Structure formats: C-alpha cells, structure tokens
Amino acid sequence: MSKAVCQSGKSRLRQAFCLICLAASGLLAASPEDVKSLLEQARTYEKAEDYAGAERSYREALTLAPNDPEALKRLGILYQTELKFGDSIELFRRALSISPQQPEVSFYLGASYLGLNQFKEARESFEREFSTAHPHPRCHYYYAIALQSLGRTDDALAQLHQSLAANPKDADALYQLARLHMNASLETMQTLADLGPDSFQLHALMGEVYANNHRYEESLKEYRAALAKRPDAPGLHYALGTALRNLKQIDEAEKEFLEARREDPNDPRVNLYLGEFAVGRQHYADAIDYLRVASAAQPGLARPHFLLGRCYLALKDLEKSKSELLIAAQADPADPQPHFLLAQIYREQGDSESRARELKEFERLSLAEKTKTYQSAKAAPQ
C-alpha cells in the first residue's frame, strides 16, 4: 500500500513538471509577439508624449526579453529624450554587448555622450556607427560636433561637408559650417591685428569686411588707408571704385575704375562698370569699346549684351542692336528690359507681329517681377 502511494505521488510530480515545462515553452513561444506588441504600445505612448506609459511598456518588454537589443535601444532613446543621459548610456552599452552591430545604437550612444560633454567617448561611438551596414543619416553631423569640441576643426568641416552632400538643405549643418568659418576668420583677423594694427593687410581686409556688410563709407576709409600703405597694390582701385559706385559717387568711381583698367585692361568687371557710366553719359562709342571687352570675357552674362544693344539702338544700328538684345534675353529669361527694346526695333522695322509678341513678353515679365518684389517685401521682417 505504501509503495502504491509513493508511485502515485511520483506520477503527480512528473505531471506537474510536464505542465510547468509546457507552460514555460508556451511563454517563450509567445514572447517575441508579446515584446513586439509592447514596443508598438510604447511607441504609441511616445507619440502622445506619455513617457511614463512608454517606459512601463519598455520595462514590461524587457521583463519578457531582458536581452532584446531593440527594446534596450528604444528605452535608451526614451531616457535620452528625457535628458537621462547616464541611464541611456547604460542601456545602449548593454545592447551593444549583446549585438555589437545593432543598427543605430552606437549613434545614440554617441549622442548621449555629447549630452554629458564626454566628447572623446562620443567620437569613438560615432566612429563605431560608421562601421555598421547603414549608419544613421545624422551621424556625420554629430560626429562633426564631437570633433569640433575636441579642437579638430578641419576634420569637423570635412564631416559637415559630407552631411551636406547627403542633404544640401540641412540647415543645422549649414549653420555649423558658417559658424566654424566665421570663427576661423575672426581668429585670423585678431592674429593679423596683433601683428600690426596699422598694417596694409588689416586695412585691406577690413575694407572688404565693411563692403560685404554694405558699410561703404567705412570701407572707403580702410581701402584708402591700405592704398596709402601700398600704392601699387593690385585690386584696391577696383575695390574703391565699387564702393564709390554703391555710394552713387559716379565721377570718383570712374576715376578709380580707370586706374584699375590700367592695371588690367581685360578685367570684365571694370570694363562693364566703365561701359555703364559711358552709356549713362550717352558716350556710346566709348561704351561699346568697354562693353565688347566685358562681353568677350563673359559671353554668358546678360548685362554687357543688353547695354551693347542699347548703344547700337541709340546709334541706329538696328541689326546689331537686335542681335545683342536677343543674346541678353536668352542669358536672362526673367529680365523684361530686352523685350521692351526689341519691341522698339521691330516697330522701326515695320514688323508689327514681332513687336506685339515682344510687348506681350515684356508685360508678362514685368508683372512677374513686380509680384516677386511684392512677395519679398511682404515676407521681410518688419
């Protein structure tokens, strides 16, 4: 009787053990789907900015699958969003210890190190990310930030250019690129000032800086100081002429451009400006000489051809005028002015159909130009 009871007890234990094994195997079989469902649930919470709910779902997923690298990554990203960089780093490192090539984990790890100003570790993480099959699209940008913080400016610039090669409209990369160049320029200018605050080089450079910022009076002062230091320096007369032209001091500008032309008779910019002045004074023969040089040097530029067209029209050479104006219209399809002058030529030649066509095009382009000007003014900050 005792033996039978013992056998019966063992049988029940075996049955219980089998049930436990079956339950366990069922649990393990269900885990991947359960984990996936919990990750999706967490993502829904995140979209609703319910980060506490998202964390609960991620934690439940990790209870079912403690070594799931994707769940570890996602919870790490959540902590990173909440600026819990230390906690996120721990999770990212766990994920990488399980799956070293897990997509984008090294990138997010680097971003968390950046958040803690641990730039060396950030750099190393981004470099590991580049070894993966598909690095995160923003890796070049944040790698550049880490390199810049480590004083490796040239390498940072190279990474920003790579980021822009992938996305030319990346405003963040453009901003950082401009900032790095600006800082480098300011540092160089300060070094130049330390070497000689009254040097030719500093005066010439400051003249250019002021001119680029439309501060033409200050630029004139600097350019003249530079010229006094080095009267034979090439390019200064052109720079002075340009500043004077922008200040509408045409007579003085013309003198400087004539000096610049003596330095380089074939400079297209100098000849174009001298041609403009000559057209304004109705000195058409002189203007043609200048403008031919400008158009030969830059045949695709519309302005010299347009001004040549005006000269020939004033001199009653209609065919030459028409030829130049047609080139100008082709070079700058948005400019209405060549079409207005072409309409005059066709009127003189008795071609009413061509005249009507050119007038219609002139009106269309003029309206488009006015609309564009209005939209720009409307969009400009008040």
Protein backbone atom coordinates (compact mmCIF):
# COMPACT_ATOMS: atom_id res chain seq x y z
CA MET A 1 0.00 0.00 0.00
CA SER A 2 2.82 2.39 0.88
CA LYS A 3 4.60 1.58 -2.38
CA ALA A 4 1.47 2.34 -4.42
CA VAL A 5 1.06 5.69 -2.69
CA CYS A 6 4.69 6.52 -3.43
CA GLN A 7 4.31 5.64 -7.11
CA SER A 8 1.16 7.74 -7.31
CA GLY A 9 2.97 10.75 -5.80
CA LYS A 10 5.83 10.45 -8.25
CA SER A 11 3.36 10.31 -11.11
CA ARG A 12 1.69 13.51 -9.98
CA LEU A 13 5.11 15.23 -9.69
CA ARG A 14 6.01 14.17 -13.21
CA GLN A 15 2.70 15.53 -14.49
CA ALA A 16 3.22 18.81 -12.67
CA PHE A 17 6.76 19.10 -14.05
CA CYS A 18 5.49 18.48 -17.59
CA LEU A 19 2.81 21.12 -17.14
CA ILE A 20 5.41 23.61 -15.93
CA CYS A 21 7.62 22.83 -18.93
CA LEU A 22 4.70 23.17 -21.31
CA ALA A 23 3.73 26.49 -19.74
CA ALA A 24 7.29 27.70 -19.92
CA SER A 25 7.62 26.65 -23.55
CA GLY A 26 4.34 28.38 -24.31
CA LEU A 27 5.56 31.52 -22.58
CA LEU A 28 8.83 31.50 -24.54
CA ALA A 29 7.00 30.93 -27.80
CA ALA A 30 4.71 33.86 -27.11
CA SER A 31 7.48 36.23 -26.03
CA PRO A 32 8.53 37.63 -29.44
CA GLU A 33 4.98 38.66 -30.32
CA ASP A 34 4.39 39.97 -26.83
CA VAL A 35 7.61 42.00 -27.00
CA LYS A 36 6.70 43.38 -30.40
CA SER A 37 3.26 44.35 -29.16
CA LEU A 38 4.74 46.11 -26.13
CA LEU A 39 7.23 48.02 -28.28
CA GLU A 40 4.41 49.20 -30.53
CA GLN A 41 2.41 50.20 -27.47
CA ALA A 42 5.39 52.15 -26.14
CA ARG A 43 5.77 53.95 -29.46
CA THR A 44 2.11 54.98 -29.27
CA TYR A 45 2.69 56.38 -25.78
CA GLU A 46 5.75 58.27 -27.02
CA LYS A 47 3.83 59.88 -29.86
CA ALA A 48 1.32 61.09 -27.28
CA GLU A 49 4.26 62.31 -25.14
CA ASP A 50 3.21 59.92 -22.37
CA TYR A 51 6.77 58.99 -21.47
CA ALA A 52 5.83 57.29 -18.21
CA GLY A 53 3.49 54.96 -20.09
CA ALA A 54 6.16 54.31 -22.71
CA GLU A 55 8.70 53.44 -20.02
CA ARG A 56 6.27 50.96 -18.42
CA SER A 57 5.79 49.22 -21.76
CA TYR A 58 9.52 49.06 -22.42
CA ARG A 59 10.12 47.69 -18.93
CA GLU A 60 7.47 45.01 -19.46
CA ALA A 61 9.11 44.08 -22.75
CA LEU A 62 12.48 43.76 -21.04
CA THR A 63 10.94 41.61 -18.30
CA LEU A 64 9.86 39.17 -21.01
CA ALA A 65 13.10 39.52 -23.00
CA PRO A 66 15.87 41.02 -20.85
CA ASN A 67 18.44 40.75 -23.65
CA ASP A 68 16.39 42.16 -26.53
CA PRO A 69 18.76 44.79 -28.05
CA GLU A 70 15.95 46.68 -29.78
CA ALA A 71 13.99 47.06 -26.54
CA LEU A 72 17.16 48.22 -24.78
CA LYS A 73 17.82 50.72 -27.56
CA ARG A 74 14.30 52.09 -27.53
CA LEU A 75 14.25 52.56 -23.77
CA GLY A 76 17.66 54.22 -24.03
CA ILE A 77 16.32 56.65 -26.63
CA LEU A 78 13.40 57.43 -24.33
CA TYR A 79 15.78 58.22 -21.48
CA GLN A 80 17.86 60.34 -23.85
CA THR A 81 14.73 62.31 -24.78
CA GLU A 82 14.20 62.94 -21.06
CA LEU A 83 17.87 64.02 -20.75
CA LYS A 84 18.67 61.00 -18.57
CA PHE A 85 21.95 60.54 -20.39
CA GLY A 86 23.62 58.30 -17.81
CA ASP A 87 20.72 55.85 -17.78
CA SER A 88 20.55 55.84 -21.57
CA ILE A 89 24.28 55.12 -21.86
CA GLU A 90 23.93 52.08 -19.60
CA LEU A 91 21.15 50.68 -21.79
CA PHE A 92 22.94 51.39 -25.07
CA ARG A 93 26.10 49.69 -23.80
CA ARG A 94 24.07 46.65 -22.73
CA ALA A 95 22.51 46.49 -26.20
CA LEU A 96 25.93 46.65 -27.87
CA SER A 97 27.35 43.96 -25.59
CA ILE A 98 24.58 41.67 -26.87
CA SER A 99 24.59 42.83 -30.52
CA PRO A 100 27.64 44.99 -31.43
CA GLN A 101 26.23 45.81 -34.88
CA GLN A 102 22.70 46.64 -33.70
CA PRO A 103 21.53 49.42 -36.04
CA GLU A 104 21.94 52.99 -34.77
CA VAL A 105 22.77 52.08 -31.15
CA SER A 106 26.32 53.43 -31.42
CA PHE A 107 24.91 56.65 -32.88
CA TYR A 108 22.52 57.19 -29.98
CA LEU A 109 25.26 56.25 -27.53
CA GLY A 110 27.44 58.96 -29.05
CA ALA A 111 24.60 61.46 -28.79
CA SER A 112 24.22 60.70 -25.07
CA TYR A 113 27.95 61.15 -24.52
CA LEU A 114 27.64 64.53 -26.27
CA GLY A 115 24.89 65.39 -23.81
CA LEU A 116 27.37 64.79 -20.98
CA ASN A 117 30.17 66.67 -22.79
CA GLN A 118 32.19 63.46 -22.98
CA PHE A 119 33.50 64.25 -26.44
CA LYS A 120 36.16 61.55 -26.74
CA GLU A 121 33.64 58.81 -25.96
CA ALA A 122 31.14 60.45 -28.34
CA ARG A 123 33.73 60.46 -31.14
CA GLU A 124 34.53 56.78 -30.59
CA SER A 125 30.83 55.87 -30.62
CA PHE A 126 30.18 57.71 -33.88
CA GLU A 127 33.20 56.03 -35.45
CA ARG A 128 31.76 52.63 -34.46
CA GLU A 129 28.44 53.66 -36.01
CA PHE A 130 30.20 54.24 -39.34
CA SER A 131 31.34 50.59 -39.27
CA THR A 132 27.71 49.39 -39.34
CA ALA A 133 25.89 48.48 -42.55
CA HIS A 134 23.65 51.53 -42.54
CA PRO A 135 24.93 54.38 -40.34
CA HIS A 136 22.36 56.84 -39.00
CA PRO A 137 21.83 59.70 -41.52
CA ARG A 138 22.76 62.32 -38.90
CA CYS A 139 25.98 60.62 -37.88
CA HIS A 140 28.25 62.89 -39.94
CA TYR A 141 26.66 65.98 -38.37
CA TYR A 142 27.00 64.88 -34.74
CA TYR A 143 30.44 63.42 -35.40
CA ALA A 144 31.40 66.91 -36.60
CA ILE A 145 30.14 68.41 -33.33
CA ALA A 146 32.29 65.98 -31.34
CA LEU A 147 35.35 66.68 -33.49
CA GLN A 148 34.84 70.43 -33.21
CA SER A 149 34.62 70.14 -29.43
CA LEU A 150 37.92 68.22 -29.45
CA GLY A 151 39.59 71.03 -31.40
CA ARG A 152 39.73 69.13 -34.70
CA THR A 153 38.20 71.91 -36.80
CA ASP A 154 39.40 70.71 -40.20
CA ASP A 155 38.02 67.22 -39.60
CA ALA A 156 34.74 68.74 -38.38
CA LEU A 157 34.47 70.79 -41.57
CA ALA A 158 35.00 67.66 -43.66
CA GLN A 159 32.19 65.86 -41.81
CA LEU A 160 29.82 68.80 -42.26
CA HIS A 161 30.52 68.81 -45.99
CA GLN A 162 29.70 65.09 -46.10
CA SER A 163 26.46 65.76 -44.24
CA LEU A 164 25.57 68.46 -46.77
CA ALA A 165 26.47 66.20 -49.68
CA ALA A 166 23.72 63.86 -48.48
CA ASN A 167 21.29 66.70 -47.69
CA PRO A 168 22.20 70.11 -49.19
CA LYS A 169 19.31 71.76 -47.32
CA ASP A 170 20.44 70.64 -43.86
CA ALA A 171 20.07 73.97 -42.03
CA ASP A 172 21.88 72.72 -38.91
CA ALA A 173 24.93 71.66 -40.92
CA LEU A 174 24.91 74.94 -42.87
CA TYR A 175 24.75 76.89 -39.62
CA GLN A 176 27.65 74.97 -38.07
CA LEU A 177 29.69 75.29 -41.26
CA ALA A 178 29.13 79.05 -41.39
CA ARG A 179 29.91 79.39 -37.69
CA LEU A 180 33.18 77.47 -37.98
CA HIS A 181 34.29 79.57 -40.94
CA MET A 182 33.27 82.76 -39.16
CA ASN A 183 35.15 81.82 -36.00
CA ALA A 184 38.23 80.92 -38.02
CA SER A 185 38.02 84.27 -39.82
CA LEU A 186 37.67 86.19 -36.58
CA GLU A 187 40.63 84.38 -35.05
CA THR A 188 42.74 85.09 -38.12
CA MET A 189 41.74 88.74 -38.12
CA GLN A 190 42.67 89.05 -34.46
CA THR A 191 46.06 87.49 -35.15
CA LEU A 192 46.54 89.93 -38.03
CA ALA A 193 45.59 92.85 -35.77
CA ASP A 194 48.03 91.66 -33.11
CA LEU A 195 50.81 91.54 -35.70
CA GLY A 196 50.15 95.08 -36.90
CA PRO A 197 47.04 97.16 -36.16
CA ASP A 198 48.01 99.69 -38.86
CA SER A 199 49.19 97.18 -41.47
CA PHE A 200 48.27 97.24 -45.15
CA GLN A 201 46.80 93.75 -44.84
CA LEU A 202 44.47 94.62 -41.97
CA HIS A 203 43.21 97.81 -43.64
CA ALA A 204 42.56 95.95 -46.91
CA LEU A 205 40.79 93.13 -45.10
CA MET A 206 38.63 95.46 -43.01
CA GLY A 207 37.72 97.37 -46.16
CA GLU A 208 36.42 94.14 -47.65
CA VAL A 209 34.55 93.23 -44.46
CA TYR A 210 32.81 96.61 -44.39
CA ALA A 211 32.00 96.44 -48.10
CA ASN A 212 30.44 92.98 -47.71
CA ASN A 213 28.22 94.42 -44.99
CA HIS A 214 27.24 97.42 -47.17
CA ARG A 215 29.10 99.85 -44.90
CA TYR A 216 30.68 101.64 -47.83
CA GLU A 217 31.85 104.79 -46.06
CA GLU A 218 33.89 102.71 -43.61
CA SER A 219 35.17 100.52 -46.43
CA LEU A 220 36.41 103.61 -48.32
CA LYS A 221 38.33 104.75 -45.27
CA GLU A 222 40.02 101.36 -44.89
CA TYR A 223 40.79 100.95 -48.60
CA ARG A 224 42.34 104.42 -48.75
CA ALA A 225 44.46 103.65 -45.69
CA ALA A 226 45.60 100.44 -47.37
CA LEU A 227 46.39 102.30 -50.61
CA ALA A 228 48.46 104.83 -48.69
CA LYS A 229 50.50 101.96 -47.25
CA ARG A 230 50.98 100.25 -50.60
CA PRO A 231 50.10 102.46 -53.62
CA ASP A 232 50.90 99.76 -56.17
CA ALA A 233 48.76 97.03 -54.57
CA PRO A 234 46.61 95.42 -57.29
CA GLY A 235 42.85 95.35 -56.81
CA LEU A 236 42.50 98.33 -54.48
CA HIS A 237 41.42 100.77 -57.18
CA TYR A 238 38.70 98.34 -58.25
CA ALA A 239 37.57 97.95 -54.63
CA LEU A 240 37.49 101.73 -54.17
CA GLY A 241 35.57 102.15 -57.42
CA THR A 242 32.98 99.59 -56.39
CA ALA A 243 32.41 101.25 -53.00
CA LEU A 244 32.10 104.69 -54.65
CA ARG A 245 29.69 103.30 -57.26
CA ASN A 246 27.49 101.91 -54.48
CA LEU A 247 27.52 105.36 -52.89
CA LYS A 248 26.42 106.87 -56.26
CA GLN A 249 29.65 108.88 -56.47
CA ILE A 250 29.99 108.13 -60.17
CA ASP A 251 32.74 110.61 -61.14
CA GLU A 252 35.04 109.41 -58.35
CA ALA A 253 34.17 105.79 -59.08
CA GLU A 254 35.04 106.25 -62.75
CA LYS A 255 38.49 107.59 -61.85
CA GLU A 256 39.19 104.54 -59.73
CA PHE A 257 37.95 102.14 -62.40
CA LEU A 258 40.18 103.83 -65.00
CA GLU A 259 43.13 103.26 -62.66
CA ALA A 260 42.02 99.65 -62.24
CA ARG A 261 41.82 99.27 -66.05
CA ARG A 262 45.43 100.39 -66.35
CA GLU A 263 46.33 97.51 -64.03
CA ASP A 264 44.29 95.01 -66.06
CA PRO A 265 42.79 96.23 -69.37
CA ASN A 266 40.83 92.99 -69.81
CA ASP A 267 39.09 92.88 -66.43
CA PRO A 268 35.42 92.23 -67.37
CA ARG A 269 34.05 93.84 -64.20
CA VAL A 270 35.97 97.08 -64.66
CA ASN A 271 35.02 97.31 -68.34
CA LEU A 272 31.37 96.61 -67.55
CA TYR A 273 31.20 99.42 -64.98
CA LEU A 274 33.01 101.85 -67.27
CA GLY A 275 30.61 100.83 -70.03
CA GLU A 276 27.64 101.52 -67.75
CA PHE A 277 28.96 105.00 -66.94
CA ALA A 278 29.57 105.76 -70.62
CA VAL A 279 26.03 104.66 -71.54
CA GLY A 280 24.67 106.88 -68.77
CA ARG A 281 26.56 109.84 -70.30
CA GLN A 282 25.42 108.83 -73.80
CA HIS A 283 29.04 108.28 -74.85
CA TYR A 284 28.02 105.25 -76.88
CA ALA A 285 31.20 104.76 -78.89
CA ASP A 286 33.32 104.65 -75.72
CA ALA A 287 30.76 102.39 -74.08
CA ILE A 288 30.92 99.91 -76.96
CA ASP A 289 34.71 99.60 -76.58
CA TYR A 290 34.37 98.79 -72.89
CA LEU A 291 31.38 96.50 -73.26
CA ARG A 292 32.93 94.43 -76.04
CA VAL A 293 35.76 93.55 -73.67
CA ALA A 294 33.27 92.64 -70.93
CA SER A 295 31.08 90.51 -73.20
CA ALA A 296 34.07 88.71 -74.73
CA ALA A 297 35.34 87.75 -71.27
CA GLN A 298 31.91 86.65 -70.01
CA PRO A 299 29.78 85.79 -73.05
CA GLY A 300 27.05 84.22 -70.93
CA LEU A 301 26.47 87.37 -68.86
CA ALA A 302 23.34 89.25 -69.92
CA ARG A 303 24.25 92.78 -68.78
CA PRO A 304 27.03 93.61 -71.29
CA HIS A 305 24.88 92.39 -74.19
CA PHE A 306 21.91 94.42 -73.01
CA LEU A 307 23.99 97.59 -72.75
CA LEU A 308 25.54 96.94 -76.17
CA GLY A 309 22.01 96.59 -77.51
CA ARG A 310 21.15 99.99 -76.06
CA CYS A 311 24.25 101.55 -77.61
CA TYR A 312 23.59 100.18 -81.09
CA LEU A 313 19.94 101.18 -80.87
CA ALA A 314 20.93 104.75 -79.98
CA LEU A 315 23.34 104.72 -82.94
CA LYS A 316 20.52 103.42 -85.21
CA ASP A 317 22.30 100.14 -85.96
CA LEU A 318 19.15 98.07 -85.56
CA GLU A 319 20.51 94.68 -86.63
CA LYS A 320 23.46 94.79 -84.25
CA SER A 321 21.17 96.03 -81.50
CA LYS A 322 18.69 93.21 -82.12
CA SER A 323 21.47 90.62 -82.12
CA GLU A 324 22.80 91.79 -78.74
CA LEU A 325 19.35 92.08 -77.17
CA LEU A 326 18.37 88.58 -78.26
CA ILE A 327 21.51 87.25 -76.57
CA ALA A 328 20.67 89.25 -73.43
CA ALA A 329 17.11 87.90 -73.37
CA GLN A 330 18.38 84.34 -73.68
CA ALA A 331 21.03 84.85 -70.98
CA ASP A 332 18.49 86.26 -68.50
CA PRO A 333 14.99 85.00 -69.38
CA ALA A 334 13.43 86.82 -66.40
CA ASP A 335 14.55 90.31 -67.43
CA PRO A 336 11.77 92.28 -69.17
CA GLN A 337 14.02 95.12 -70.45
CA PRO A 338 15.49 93.46 -73.57
CA HIS A 339 11.97 92.67 -74.79
CA PHE A 340 10.92 96.31 -74.50
CA LEU A 341 13.85 97.44 -76.64
CA LEU A 342 13.28 94.61 -79.10
CA ALA A 343 9.69 95.83 -79.48
CA GLN A 344 11.07 99.27 -80.42
CA ILE A 345 13.38 97.73 -83.02
CA TYR A 346 10.57 95.71 -84.59
CA ARG A 347 8.41 98.84 -84.70
CA GLU A 348 11.21 100.65 -86.58
CA GLN A 349 11.46 97.69 -88.97
CA GLY A 350 7.71 97.56 -89.54
CA ASP A 351 7.34 94.07 -88.04
CA SER A 352 4.09 94.52 -86.11
CA GLU A 353 3.69 90.82 -85.27
CA SER A 354 7.13 90.56 -83.65
CA ARG A 355 6.59 93.90 -81.91
CA ALA A 356 3.33 92.65 -80.38
CA ARG A 357 5.00 89.43 -79.26
CA GLU A 358 7.84 91.28 -77.53
CA LEU A 359 5.50 93.75 -75.85
CA LYS A 360 3.40 90.88 -74.54
CA GLU A 361 6.52 89.19 -73.16
CA PHE A 362 7.66 92.48 -71.63
CA GLU A 363 4.33 92.91 -69.84
CA ARG A 364 4.35 89.31 -68.60
CA LEU A 365 7.87 89.52 -67.20
CA SER A 366 7.26 92.97 -65.71
CA LEU A 367 4.23 91.66 -63.84
CA ALA A 368 6.20 88.65 -62.60
CA GLU A 369 9.00 90.94 -61.44
CA LYS A 370 6.59 93.20 -59.56
CA THR A 371 4.87 90.21 -57.96
CA LYS A 372 8.21 88.81 -56.83
CA THR A 373 9.23 92.17 -55.38
CA TYR A 374 5.91 92.45 -53.55
CA GLN A 375 6.16 88.93 -52.14
CA SER A 376 9.72 89.57 -50.95
CA ALA A 377 8.70 92.80 -49.25
CA LYS A 378 5.72 91.07 -47.66
CA ALA A 379 7.89 88.24 -46.33
CA ALA A 380 10.61 90.54 -45.00
CA PRO A 381 10.58 91.16 -41.22
CA GLN A 382 9.07 94.50 -40.28
